[in-house]
Amino acid sequence: MKLWIYQITDLTNGNYYIGSSCSCKGFNHRKSQHKNDLVRFNNGTLNYRSYFDVMKNNNYEYTILEEGEVADHHDKLDKECIWINLYDSDKLVNKNKMTKRFQEINCNMNNIL
C-alpha cells in the first residue's frame, strides 16, 4: 500500500498534527477529506478530530514527512506512531496519540525510518 506520513501546521500559532494515509485515491483525496470533516463537524454531524485544532484558523499547510510503501494497516500505524513520538512537543496537538503503541513497538527506530 502507498503510504504518506504528513504534518498539518497551523501557520497562525505553529501548532501541528501528524497523520498518515494509505488512500488508494492519493494524498489530495485525504486532504479533501480533512476539509469535508471540518465542515461536517461545524455542522454538528461529525465528532471532534484532533486535526481540527490546526485547521480551525483556516491558515494551515501540509508537509509530507515520509512517502513510501507499507504492507498493511498495522505497519502504517507503526510508522505514524514513530513520527509522532519523534516530533513530540507542546505544539503537537495529537501528542498523546499512540503512546501505548509506541511502547509496544519497542524497536530501534533507525531500522524503521
PDB file of N, CA and C in Angstrom:
ATOM      1  N   MET A   1       0.846  -1.190   0.000  1.00  0.00           N
ATOM      2  CA  MET A   1       0.000   0.000   0.000  1.00  0.00           C
ATOM      3  C   MET A   1       0.887   1.248   0.000  1.00  0.00           C
ATOM      4  N   LYS A   2       0.453   2.234  -0.750  1.00  0.00           N
ATOM      5  CA  LYS A   2       1.138   3.523  -0.765  1.00  0.00           C
ATOM      6  C   LYS A   2       0.888   4.226   0.563  1.00  0.00           C
ATOM      7  N   LEU A   3       1.930   4.844   1.123  1.00  0.00           N
ATOM      8  CA  LEU A   3       1.847   5.493   2.436  1.00  0.00           C
ATOM      9  C   LEU A   3       2.302   6.933   2.347  1.00  0.00           C
ATOM     10  N   TRP A   4       1.590   7.802   3.033  1.00  0.00           N
ATOM     11  CA  TRP A   4       2.021   9.174   3.262  1.00  0.00           C
ATOM     12  C   TRP A   4       1.950   9.434   4.762  1.00  0.00           C
ATOM     13  N   ILE A   5       3.043   9.873   5.353  1.00  0.00           N
ATOM     14  CA  ILE A   5       3.041  10.428   6.710  1.00  0.00           C
ATOM     15  C   ILE A   5       3.132  11.936   6.492  1.00  0.00           C
ATOM     16  N   TYR A   6       2.227  12.677   7.099  1.00  0.00           N
ATOM     17  CA  TYR A   6       2.145  14.103   6.823  1.00  0.00           C
ATOM     18  C   TYR A   6       1.976  14.900   8.094  1.00  0.00           C
ATOM     19  N   GLN A   7       2.264  16.180   7.964  1.00  0.00           N
ATOM     20  CA  GLN A   7       2.076  17.126   9.047  1.00  0.00           C
ATOM     21  C   GLN A   7       1.196  18.250   8.536  1.00  0.00           C
ATOM     22  N   ILE A   8       0.219  18.644   9.352  1.00  0.00           N
ATOM     23  CA  ILE A   8      -0.581  19.829   9.065  1.00  0.00           C
ATOM     24  C   ILE A   8      -0.175  20.861  10.109  1.00  0.00           C
ATOM     25  N   THR A   9       0.265  22.022   9.652  1.00  0.00           N
ATOM     26  CA  THR A   9       0.743  23.063  10.562  1.00  0.00           C
ATOM     27  C   THR A   9      -0.173  24.275  10.496  1.00  0.00           C
ATOM     28  N   ASP A  10      -0.616  24.733  11.659  1.00  0.00           N
ATOM     29  CA  ASP A  10      -1.383  25.971  11.770  1.00  0.00           C
ATOM     30  C   ASP A  10      -0.387  27.116  11.691  1.00  0.00           C
ATOM     31  N   LEU A  11      -0.454  27.897  10.630  1.00  0.00           N
ATOM     32  CA  LEU A  11       0.524  28.960  10.404  1.00  0.00           C
ATOM     33  C   LEU A  11       0.319  30.165  11.313  1.00  0.00           C
ATOM     34  N   THR A  12      -0.801  30.210  12.038  1.00  0.00           N
ATOM     35  CA  THR A  12      -1.039  31.331  12.952  1.00  0.00           C
ATOM     36  C   THR A  12      -0.371  31.138  14.306  1.00  0.00           C
ATOM     37  N   ASN A  13      -0.163  29.868  14.700  1.00  0.00           N
ATOM     38  CA  ASN A  13       0.380  29.639  16.046  1.00  0.00           C
ATOM     39  C   ASN A  13       1.439  28.525  16.115  1.00  0.00           C
ATOM     40  N   GLY A  14       1.695  27.850  15.003  1.00  0.00           N
ATOM     41  CA  GLY A  14       2.733  26.812  14.986  1.00  0.00           C
ATOM     42  C   GLY A  14       2.296  25.448  15.490  1.00  0.00           C
ATOM     43  N   ASN A  15       1.044  25.322  15.917  1.00  0.00           N
ATOM     44  CA  ASN A  15       0.562  24.006  16.328  1.00  0.00           C
ATOM     45  C   ASN A  15       0.518  23.089  15.113  1.00  0.00           C
ATOM     46  N   TYR A  16       0.721  21.800  15.335  1.00  0.00           N
ATOM     47  CA  TYR A  16       0.713  20.878  14.211  1.00  0.00           C
ATOM     48  C   TYR A  16       0.151  19.520  14.598  1.00  0.00           C
ATOM     49  N   TYR A  17      -0.256  18.803  13.577  1.00  0.00           N
ATOM     50  CA  TYR A  17      -0.835  17.463  13.681  1.00  0.00           C
ATOM     51  C   TYR A  17      -0.024  16.556  12.766  1.00  0.00           C
ATOM     52  N   ILE A  18       0.261  15.345  13.205  1.00  0.00           N
ATOM     53  CA  ILE A  18       0.921  14.357  12.362  1.00  0.00           C
ATOM     54  C   ILE A  18      -0.055  13.222  12.115  1.00  0.00           C
ATOM     55  N   GLY A  19      -0.224  12.874  10.843  1.00  0.00           N
ATOM     56  CA  GLY A  19      -1.142  11.813  10.478  1.00  0.00           C
ATOM     57  C   GLY A  19      -0.565  10.943   9.379  1.00  0.00           C
ATOM     58  N   SER A  20      -1.343   9.951   8.983  1.00  0.00           N
ATOM     59  CA  SER A  20      -0.919   9.048   7.916  1.00  0.00           C
ATOM     60  C   SER A  20      -2.115   8.727   7.038  1.00  0.00           C
ATOM     61  N   SER A  21      -1.809   8.362   5.807  1.00  0.00           N
ATOM     62  CA  SER A  21      -2.856   7.992   4.870  1.00  0.00           C
ATOM     63  C   SER A  21      -2.350   6.918   3.934  1.00  0.00           C
ATOM     64  N   CYS A  22      -3.230   6.007   3.614  1.00  0.00           N
ATOM     65  CA  CYS A  22      -2.966   4.981   2.601  1.00  0.00           C
ATOM     66  C   CYS A  22      -4.087   4.984   1.572  1.00  0.00           C
ATOM     67  N   SER A  23      -4.671   6.132   1.323  1.00  0.00           N
ATOM     68  CA  SER A  23      -5.788   6.239   0.394  1.00  0.00           C
ATOM     69  C   SER A  23      -5.377   5.820  -1.011  1.00  0.00           C
ATOM     70  N   CYS A  24      -6.128   4.922  -1.584  1.00  0.00           N
ATOM     71  CA  CYS A  24      -5.850   4.490  -2.961  1.00  0.00           C
ATOM     72  C   CYS A  24      -6.155   5.606  -3.951  1.00  0.00           C
ATOM     73  N   LYS A  25      -6.830   6.644  -3.490  1.00  0.00           N
ATOM     74  CA  LYS A  25      -7.172   7.775  -4.350  1.00  0.00           C
ATOM     75  C   LYS A  25      -6.120   8.878  -4.306  1.00  0.00           C
ATOM     76  N   GLY A  26      -5.069   8.689  -3.516  1.00  0.00           N
ATOM     77  CA  GLY A  26      -3.983   9.662  -3.456  1.00  0.00           C
ATOM     78  C   GLY A  26      -4.079  10.579  -2.248  1.00  0.00           C
ATOM     79  N   PHE A  27      -2.994  11.306  -2.030  1.00  0.00           N
ATOM     80  CA  PHE A  27      -2.907  12.167  -0.860  1.00  0.00           C
ATOM     81  C   PHE A  27      -3.854  13.363  -0.947  1.00  0.00           C
ATOM     82  N   ASN A  28      -4.070  13.899  -2.130  1.00  0.00           N
ATOM     83  CA  ASN A  28      -5.000  15.035  -2.257  1.00  0.00           C
ATOM     84  C   ASN A  28      -6.410  14.653  -1.820  1.00  0.00           C
ATOM     85  N   HIS A  29      -6.773  13.404  -2.025  1.00  0.00           N
ATOM     86  CA  HIS A  29      -8.079  12.934  -1.559  1.00  0.00           C
ATOM     87  C   HIS A  29      -8.155  13.015  -0.038  1.00  0.00           C
ATOM     88  N   ARG A  30      -7.074  12.653   0.648  1.00  0.00           N
ATOM     89  CA  ARG A  30      -7.058  12.727   2.114  1.00  0.00           C
ATOM     90  C   ARG A  30      -7.198  14.167   2.579  1.00  0.00           C
ATOM     91  N   LYS A  31      -6.528  15.084   1.894  1.00  0.00           N
ATOM     92  CA  LYS A  31      -6.641  16.495   2.248  1.00  0.00           C
ATOM     93  C   LYS A  31      -8.089  16.970   2.090  1.00  0.00           C
ATOM     94  N   SER A  32      -8.756  16.531   1.042  1.00  0.00           N
ATOM     95  CA  SER A  32     -10.166  16.882   0.837  1.00  0.00           C
ATOM     96  C   SER A  32     -11.038  16.314   1.943  1.00  0.00           C
ATOM     97  N   GLN A  33     -10.713  15.109   2.388  1.00  0.00           N
ATOM     98  CA  GLN A  33     -11.470  14.504   3.496  1.00  0.00           C
ATOM     99  C   GLN A  33     -11.344  15.351   4.757  1.00  0.00           C
ATOM    100  N   HIS A  34     -10.148  15.860   5.033  1.00  0.00           N
ATOM    101  CA  HIS A  34      -9.969  16.720   6.207  1.00  0.00           C
ATOM    102  C   HIS A  34     -10.893  17.931   6.133  1.00  0.00           C
ATOM    103  N   LYS A  35     -10.908  18.598   4.974  1.00  0.00           N
ATOM    104  CA  LYS A  35     -11.759  19.784   4.816  1.00  0.00           C
ATOM    105  C   LYS A  35     -13.230  19.438   4.978  1.00  0.00           C
ATOM    106  N   ASN A  36     -13.654  18.352   4.354  1.00  0.00           N
ATOM    107  CA  ASN A  36     -15.050  17.926   4.471  1.00  0.00           C
ATOM    108  C   ASN A  36     -15.403  17.551   5.901  1.00  0.00           C
ATOM    109  N   ASP A  37     -14.484  16.907   6.595  1.00  0.00           N
ATOM    110  CA  ASP A  37     -14.722  16.550   8.002  1.00  0.00           C
ATOM    111  C   ASP A  37     -14.912  17.787   8.863  1.00  0.00           C
ATOM    112  N   LEU A  38     -14.101  18.824   8.616  1.00  0.00           N
ATOM    113  CA  LEU A  38     -14.239  20.048   9.400  1.00  0.00           C
ATOM    114  C   LEU A  38     -15.596  20.704   9.164  1.00  0.00           C
ATOM    115  N   VAL A  39     -16.048  20.721   7.930  1.00  0.00           N
ATOM    116  CA  VAL A  39     -17.379  21.267   7.613  1.00  0.00           C
ATOM    117  C   VAL A  39     -18.453  20.469   8.343  1.00  0.00           C
ATOM    118  N   ARG A  40     -18.351  19.144   8.292  1.00  0.00           N
ATOM    119  CA  ARG A  40     -19.336  18.291   8.960  1.00  0.00           C
ATOM    120  C   ARG A  40     -19.305  18.498  10.474  1.00  0.00           C
ATOM    121  N   PHE A  41     -18.117  18.679  11.045  1.00  0.00           N
ATOM    122  CA  PHE A  41     -18.001  18.942  12.485  1.00  0.00           C
ATOM    123  C   PHE A  41     -18.681  20.272  12.832  1.00  0.00           C
ATOM    124  N   ASN A  42     -18.405  21.301  12.045  1.00  0.00           N
ATOM    125  CA  ASN A  42     -19.008  22.615  12.296  1.00  0.00           C
ATOM    126  C   ASN A  42     -20.522  22.587  12.129  1.00  0.00           C
ATOM    127  N   ASN A  43     -21.020  21.653  11.311  1.00  0.00           N
ATOM    128  CA  ASN A  43     -22.466  21.495  11.137  1.00  0.00           C
ATOM    129  C   ASN A  43     -23.082  20.579  12.189  1.00  0.00           C
ATOM    130  N   GLY A  44     -22.252  19.994  13.033  1.00  0.00           N
ATOM    131  CA  GLY A  44     -22.749  19.123  14.093  1.00  0.00           C
ATOM    132  C   GLY A  44     -23.029  17.696  13.652  1.00  0.00           C
ATOM    133  N   THR A  45     -22.485  17.286  12.502  1.00  0.00           N
ATOM    134  CA  THR A  45     -22.764  15.930  12.015  1.00  0.00           C
ATOM    135  C   THR A  45     -21.555  14.990  12.112  1.00  0.00           C
ATOM    136  N   LEU A  46     -20.470  15.456  12.717  1.00  0.00           N
ATOM    137  CA  LEU A  46     -19.275  14.620  12.889  1.00  0.00           C
ATOM    138  C   LEU A  46     -18.635  14.945  14.221  1.00  0.00           C
ATOM    139  N   ASN A  47     -18.138  13.939  14.904  1.00  0.00           N
ATOM    140  CA  ASN A  47     -17.448  14.135  16.170  1.00  0.00           C
ATOM    141  C   ASN A  47     -16.082  14.784  15.957  1.00  0.00           C
ATOM    142  N   TYR A  48     -15.567  15.382  17.027  1.00  0.00           N
ATOM    143  CA  TYR A  48     -14.277  16.077  17.023  1.00  0.00           C
ATOM    144  C   TYR A  48     -13.131  15.175  16.572  1.00  0.00           C
ATOM    145  N   ARG A  49     -12.210  15.720  15.810  1.00  0.00           N
ATOM    146  CA  ARG A  49     -10.949  15.093  15.423  1.00  0.00           C
ATOM    147  C   ARG A  49      -9.832  16.064  15.789  1.00  0.00           C
ATOM    148  N   SER A  50      -8.703  15.568  16.264  1.00  0.00           N
ATOM    149  CA  SER A  50      -7.644  16.464  16.738  1.00  0.00           C
ATOM    150  C   SER A  50      -7.071  17.358  15.648  1.00  0.00           C
ATOM    151  N   TYR A  51      -7.136  16.940  14.377  1.00  0.00           N
ATOM    152  CA  TYR A  51      -6.600  17.799  13.320  1.00  0.00           C
ATOM    153  C   TYR A  51      -7.435  19.049  13.113  1.00  0.00           C
ATOM    154  N   PHE A  52      -8.649  19.104  13.655  1.00  0.00           N
ATOM    155  CA  PHE A  52      -9.444  20.324  13.566  1.00  0.00           C
ATOM    156  C   PHE A  52      -8.748  21.479  14.278  1.00  0.00           C
ATOM    157  N   ASP A  53      -7.965  21.164  15.319  1.00  0.00           N
ATOM    158  CA  ASP A  53      -7.283  22.210  16.079  1.00  0.00           C
ATOM    159  C   ASP A  53      -6.290  22.996  15.228  1.00  0.00           C
ATOM    160  N   VAL A  54      -5.722  22.376  14.196  1.00  0.00           N
ATOM    161  CA  VAL A  54      -4.761  23.091  13.352  1.00  0.00           C
ATOM    162  C   VAL A  54      -5.407  23.639  12.085  1.00  0.00           C
ATOM    163  N   MET A  55      -6.657  23.280  11.846  1.00  0.00           N
ATOM    164  CA  MET A  55      -7.360  23.758  10.649  1.00  0.00           C
ATOM    165  C   MET A  55      -8.348  24.879  10.959  1.00  0.00           C
ATOM    166  N   LYS A  56      -8.703  25.042  12.215  1.00  0.00           N
ATOM    167  CA  LYS A  56      -9.795  25.940  12.572  1.00  0.00           C
ATOM    168  C   LYS A  56      -9.541  27.401  12.220  1.00  0.00           C
ATOM    169  N   ASN A  57      -8.279  27.831  12.166  1.00  0.00           N
ATOM    170  CA  ASN A  57      -7.972  29.218  11.815  1.00  0.00           C
ATOM    171  C   ASN A  57      -7.923  29.436  10.302  1.00  0.00           C
ATOM    172  N   ASN A  58      -8.117  28.364   9.539  1.00  0.00           N
ATOM    173  CA  ASN A  58      -8.125  28.406   8.073  1.00  0.00           C
ATOM    174  C   ASN A  58      -6.832  29.005   7.507  1.00  0.00           C
ATOM    175  N   ASN A  59      -5.718  28.725   8.199  1.00  0.00           N
ATOM    176  CA  ASN A  59      -4.401  29.186   7.763  1.00  0.00           C
ATOM    177  C   ASN A  59      -3.402  28.085   8.086  1.00  0.00           C
ATOM    178  N   TYR A  60      -3.370  27.071   7.245  1.00  0.00           N
ATOM    179  CA  TYR A  60      -2.545  25.895   7.534  1.00  0.00           C
ATOM    180  C   TYR A  60      -1.903  25.375   6.259  1.00  0.00           C
ATOM    181  N   GLU A  61      -0.872  24.548   6.440  1.00  0.00           N
ATOM    182  CA  GLU A  61      -0.221  23.928   5.290  1.00  0.00           C
ATOM    183  C   GLU A  61       0.124  22.479   5.612  1.00  0.00           C
ATOM    184  N   TYR A  62       0.204  21.702   4.550  1.00  0.00           N
ATOM    185  CA  TYR A  62       0.566  20.290   4.651  1.00  0.00           C
ATOM    186  C   TYR A  62       2.031  20.112   4.269  1.00  0.00           C
ATOM    187  N   THR A  63       2.708  19.217   4.970  1.00  0.00           N
ATOM    188  CA  THR A  63       4.068  18.819   4.647  1.00  0.00           C
ATOM    189  C   THR A  63       4.120  17.302   4.655  1.00  0.00           C
ATOM    190  N   ILE A  64       4.649  16.712   3.591  1.00  0.00           N
ATOM    191  CA  ILE A  64       4.841  15.261   3.558  1.00  0.00           C
ATOM    192  C   ILE A  64       6.136  14.954   4.307  1.00  0.00           C
ATOM    193  N   LEU A  65       6.048  14.156   5.355  1.00  0.00           N
ATOM    194  CA  LEU A  65       7.224  13.768   6.135  1.00  0.00           C
ATOM    195  C   LEU A  65       7.864  12.497   5.585  1.00  0.00           C
ATOM    196  N   GLU A  66       7.022  11.606   5.074  1.00  0.00           N
ATOM    197  CA  GLU A  66       7.518  10.353   4.513  1.00  0.00           C
ATOM    198  C   GLU A  66       6.530   9.860   3.466  1.00  0.00           C
ATOM    199  N   GLU A  67       7.059   9.326   2.403  1.00  0.00           N
ATOM    200  CA  GLU A  67       6.236   8.720   1.368  1.00  0.00           C
ATOM    201  C   GLU A  67       6.879   7.385   1.022  1.00  0.00           C
ATOM    202  N   GLY A  68       6.076   6.347   0.976  1.00  0.00           N
ATOM    203  CA  GLY A  68       6.634   5.040   0.677  1.00  0.00           C
ATOM    204  C   GLY A  68       5.560   3.981   0.568  1.00  0.00           C
ATOM    205  N   GLU A  69       5.933   2.778   0.935  1.00  0.00           N
ATOM    206  CA  GLU A  69       5.040   1.622   0.876  1.00  0.00           C
ATOM    207  C   GLU A  69       5.014   0.945   2.246  1.00  0.00           C
ATOM    208  N   VAL A  70       3.858   0.400   2.591  1.00  0.00           N
ATOM    209  CA  VAL A  70       3.714  -0.427   3.793  1.00  0.00           C
ATOM    210  C   VAL A  70       2.922  -1.674   3.435  1.00  0.00           C
ATOM    211  N   ALA A  71       3.112  -2.703   4.244  1.00  0.00           N
ATOM    212  CA  ALA A  71       2.457  -3.981   3.978  1.00  0.00           C
ATOM    213  C   ALA A  71       0.968  -3.948   4.322  1.00  0.00           C
ATOM    214  N   ASP A  72       0.637  -3.279   5.424  1.00  0.00           N
ATOM    215  CA  ASP A  72      -0.745  -3.311   5.884  1.00  0.00           C
ATOM    216  C   ASP A  72      -1.033  -2.134   6.818  1.00  0.00           C
ATOM    217  N   HIS A  73      -2.253  -2.106   7.340  1.00  0.00           N
ATOM    218  CA  HIS A  73      -2.703  -1.021   8.222  1.00  0.00           C
ATOM    219  C   HIS A  73      -1.858  -0.953   9.495  1.00  0.00           C
ATOM    220  N   HIS A  74      -1.438  -2.082  10.028  1.00  0.00           N
ATOM    221  CA  HIS A  74      -0.625  -2.090  11.251  1.00  0.00           C
ATOM    222  C   HIS A  74       0.729  -1.437  11.006  1.00  0.00           C
ATOM    223  N   ASP A  75       1.342  -1.714   9.857  1.00  0.00           N
ATOM    224  CA  ASP A  75       2.610  -1.063   9.517  1.00  0.00           C
ATOM    225  C   ASP A  75       2.432   0.445   9.383  1.00  0.00           C
ATOM    226  N   LYS A  76       1.317   0.857   8.799  1.00  0.00           N
ATOM    227  CA  LYS A  76       1.012   2.282   8.654  1.00  0.00           C
ATOM    228  C   LYS A  76       0.933   2.948  10.022  1.00  0.00           C
ATOM    229  N   LEU A  77       0.222   2.322  10.943  1.00  0.00           N
ATOM    230  CA  LEU A  77       0.084   2.889  12.287  1.00  0.00           C
ATOM    231  C   LEU A  77       1.414   2.914  13.031  1.00  0.00           C
ATOM    232  N   ASP A  78       2.238   1.890  12.817  1.00  0.00           N
ATOM    233  CA  ASP A  78       3.561   1.883  13.452  1.00  0.00           C
ATOM    234  C   ASP A  78       4.407   3.053  12.963  1.00  0.00           C
ATOM    235  N   LYS A  79       4.402   3.298  11.652  1.00  0.00           N
ATOM    236  CA  LYS A  79       5.158   4.424  11.089  1.00  0.00           C
ATOM    237  C   LYS A  79       4.655   5.755  11.644  1.00  0.00           C
ATOM    238  N   GLU A  80       3.335   5.926  11.648  1.00  0.00           N
ATOM    239  CA  GLU A  80       2.756   7.162  12.177  1.00  0.00           C
ATOM    240  C   GLU A  80       3.138   7.354  13.631  1.00  0.00           C
ATOM    241  N   CYS A  81       3.058   6.290  14.397  1.00  0.00           N
ATOM    242  CA  CYS A  81       3.386   6.327  15.813  1.00  0.00           C
ATOM    243  C   CYS A  81       4.827   6.799  16.038  1.00  0.00           C
ATOM    244  N   ILE A  82       5.736   6.283  15.252  1.00  0.00           N
ATOM    245  CA  ILE A  82       7.144   6.658  15.400  1.00  0.00           C
ATOM    246  C   ILE A  82       7.347   8.132  15.070  1.00  0.00           C
ATOM    247  N   TRP A  83       6.730   8.625  14.007  1.00  0.00           N
ATOM    248  CA  TRP A  83       6.845  10.042  13.665  1.00  0.00           C
ATOM    249  C   TRP A  83       6.261  10.922  14.764  1.00  0.00           C
ATOM    250  N   ILE A  84       5.119  10.536  15.305  1.00  0.00           N
ATOM    251  CA  ILE A  84       4.504  11.316  16.385  1.00  0.00           C
ATOM    252  C   ILE A  84       5.444  11.396  17.575  1.00  0.00           C
ATOM    253  N   ASN A  85       6.055  10.294  17.912  1.00  0.00           N
ATOM    254  CA  ASN A  85       6.958  10.289  19.065  1.00  0.00           C
ATOM    255  C   ASN A  85       8.284  10.978  18.772  1.00  0.00           C
ATOM    256  N   LEU A  86       8.727  11.006  17.532  1.00  0.00           N
ATOM    257  CA  LEU A  86       9.941  11.742  17.163  1.00  0.00           C
ATOM    258  C   LEU A  86       9.713  13.245  17.216  1.00  0.00           C
ATOM    259  N   TYR A  87       8.529  13.691  16.822  1.00  0.00           N
ATOM    260  CA  TYR A  87       8.220  15.109  16.721  1.00  0.00           C
ATOM    261  C   TYR A  87       7.489  15.648  17.956  1.00  0.00           C
ATOM    262  N   ASP A  88       7.383  14.860  18.986  1.00  0.00           N
ATOM    263  CA  ASP A  88       6.629  15.241  20.179  1.00  0.00           C
ATOM    264  C   ASP A  88       7.091  16.594  20.723  1.00  0.00           C
ATOM    265  N   SER A  89       6.152  17.509  20.899  1.00  0.00           N
ATOM    266  CA  SER A  89       6.411  18.805  21.520  1.00  0.00           C
ATOM    267  C   SER A  89       5.085  19.361  22.018  1.00  0.00           C
ATOM    268  N   ASP A  90       5.152  20.508  22.682  1.00  0.00           N
ATOM    269  CA  ASP A  90       3.926  21.143  23.170  1.00  0.00           C
ATOM    270  C   ASP A  90       3.046  21.637  22.030  1.00  0.00           C
ATOM    271  N   LYS A  91       3.589  21.781  20.841  1.00  0.00           N
ATOM    272  CA  LYS A  91       2.838  22.257  19.682  1.00  0.00           C
ATOM    273  C   LYS A  91       2.113  21.133  18.942  1.00  0.00           C
ATOM    274  N   LEU A  92       2.446  19.890  19.247  1.00  0.00           N
ATOM    275  CA  LEU A  92       1.824  18.737  18.589  1.00  0.00           C
ATOM    276  C   LEU A  92       0.464  18.474  19.231  1.00  0.00           C
ATOM    277  N   VAL A  93      -0.610  18.617  18.459  1.00  0.00           N
ATOM    278  CA  VAL A  93      -1.956  18.518  19.026  1.00  0.00           C
ATOM    279  C   VAL A  93      -2.381  17.085  19.293  1.00  0.00           C
ATOM    280  N   ASN A  94      -1.743  16.114  18.668  1.00  0.00           N
ATOM    281  CA  ASN A  94      -2.103  14.717  18.915  1.00  0.00           C
ATOM    282  C   ASN A  94      -0.939  13.955  19.560  1.00  0.00           C
ATOM    283  N   LYS A  95      -0.230  14.631  20.499  1.00  0.00           N
ATOM    284  CA  LYS A  95       0.957  14.034  21.100  1.00  0.00           C
ATOM    285  C   LYS A  95       0.655  12.856  22.007  1.00  0.00           C
ATOM    286  N   ASN A  96      -0.525  12.764  22.553  1.00  0.00           N
ATOM    287  CA  ASN A  96      -0.860  11.629  23.409  1.00  0.00           C
ATOM    288  C   ASN A  96      -1.317  10.418  22.611  1.00  0.00           C
ATOM    289  N   LYS A  97      -1.490  10.624  21.330  1.00  0.00           N
ATOM    290  CA  LYS A  97      -1.942   9.548  20.463  1.00  0.00           C
ATOM    291  C   LYS A  97      -0.842   8.494  20.322  1.00  0.00           C
ATOM    292  N   MET A  98      -1.209   7.265  20.505  1.00  0.00           N
ATOM    293  CA  MET A  98      -0.334   6.115  20.248  1.00  0.00           C
ATOM    294  C   MET A  98       0.837   5.970  21.211  1.00  0.00           C
ATOM    295  N   THR A  99       0.781   6.573  22.385  1.00  0.00           N
ATOM    296  CA  THR A  99       1.864   6.404  23.350  1.00  0.00           C
ATOM    297  C   THR A  99       2.026   4.939  23.715  1.00  0.00           C
ATOM    298  N   LYS A 100       0.916   4.268  23.980  1.00  0.00           N
ATOM    299  CA  LYS A 100       0.978   2.847  24.327  1.00  0.00           C
ATOM    300  C   LYS A 100       1.522   2.030  23.162  1.00  0.00           C
ATOM    301  N   ARG A 101       1.081   2.333  21.944  1.00  0.00           N
ATOM    302  CA  ARG A 101       1.559   1.600  20.766  1.00  0.00           C
ATOM    303  C   ARG A 101       3.067   1.779  20.599  1.00  0.00           C
ATOM    304  N   PHE A 102       3.565   2.997  20.844  1.00  0.00           N
ATOM    305  CA  PHE A 102       4.990   3.256  20.724  1.00  0.00           C
ATOM    306  C   PHE A 102       5.774   2.384  21.703  1.00  0.00           C
ATOM    307  N   GLN A 103       5.274   2.250  22.900  1.00  0.00           N
ATOM    308  CA  GLN A 103       5.935   1.391  23.885  1.00  0.00           C
ATOM    309  C   GLN A 103       5.891  -0.064  23.453  1.00  0.00           C
ATOM    310  N   GLU A 104       4.805  -0.477  22.803  1.00  0.00           N
ATOM    311  CA  GLU A 104       4.661  -1.859  22.352  1.00  0.00           C
ATOM    312  C   GLU A 104       5.574  -2.171  21.161  1.00  0.00           C
ATOM    313  N   ILE A 105       5.842  -1.177  20.335  1.00  0.00           N
ATOM    314  CA  ILE A 105       6.721  -1.403  19.191  1.00  0.00           C
ATOM    315  C   ILE A 105       8.094  -1.846  19.686  1.00  0.00           C
ATOM    316  N   ASN A 106       8.622  -1.105  20.663  1.00  0.00           N
ATOM    317  CA  ASN A 106       9.860  -1.465  21.348  1.00  0.00           C
ATOM    318  C   ASN A 106      10.934  -1.952  20.370  1.00  0.00           C
ATOM    319  N   CYS A 107      11.256  -1.085  19.437  1.00  0.00           N
ATOM    320  CA  CYS A 107      12.265  -1.459  18.454  1.00  0.00           C
ATOM    321  C   CYS A 107      13.192  -0.288  18.180  1.00  0.00           C
ATOM    322  N   ASN A 108      14.225  -0.517  17.439  1.00  0.00           N
ATOM    323  CA  ASN A 108      15.168   0.507  17.077  1.00  0.00           C
ATOM    324  C   ASN A 108      14.584   1.356  15.951  1.00  0.00           C
ATOM    325  N   MET A 109      14.303   2.636  16.220  1.00  0.00           N
ATOM    326  CA  MET A 109      13.657   3.491  15.227  1.00  0.00           C
ATOM    327  C   MET A 109      14.521   3.662  13.987  1.00  0.00           C
ATOM    328  N   ASN A 110      15.808   3.578  14.103  1.00  0.00           N
ATOM    329  CA  ASN A 110      16.671   3.721  12.925  1.00  0.00           C
ATOM    330  C   ASN A 110      16.441   2.605  11.918  1.00  0.00           C
ATOM    331  N   ASN A 111      15.992   1.462  12.350  1.00  0.00           N
ATOM    332  CA  ASN A 111      15.726   0.361  11.440  1.00  0.00           C
ATOM    333  C   ASN A 111      14.395   0.531  10.720  1.00  0.00           C
ATOM    334  N   ILE A 112      13.492   1.349  11.282  1.00  0.00           N
ATOM    335  CA  ILE A 112      12.173   1.522  10.687  1.00  0.00           C
ATOM    336  C   ILE A 112      12.130   2.723   9.771  1.00  0.00           C
ATOM    337  N   LEU A 113      12.783   3.810  10.167  1.00  0.00           N
ATOM    338  CA  LEU A 113      12.714   5.043   9.370  1.00  0.00           C
ATOM    339  C   LEU A 113      13.699   5.018   8.221  1.00  0.00           C
TER     340      LEU A 113
END
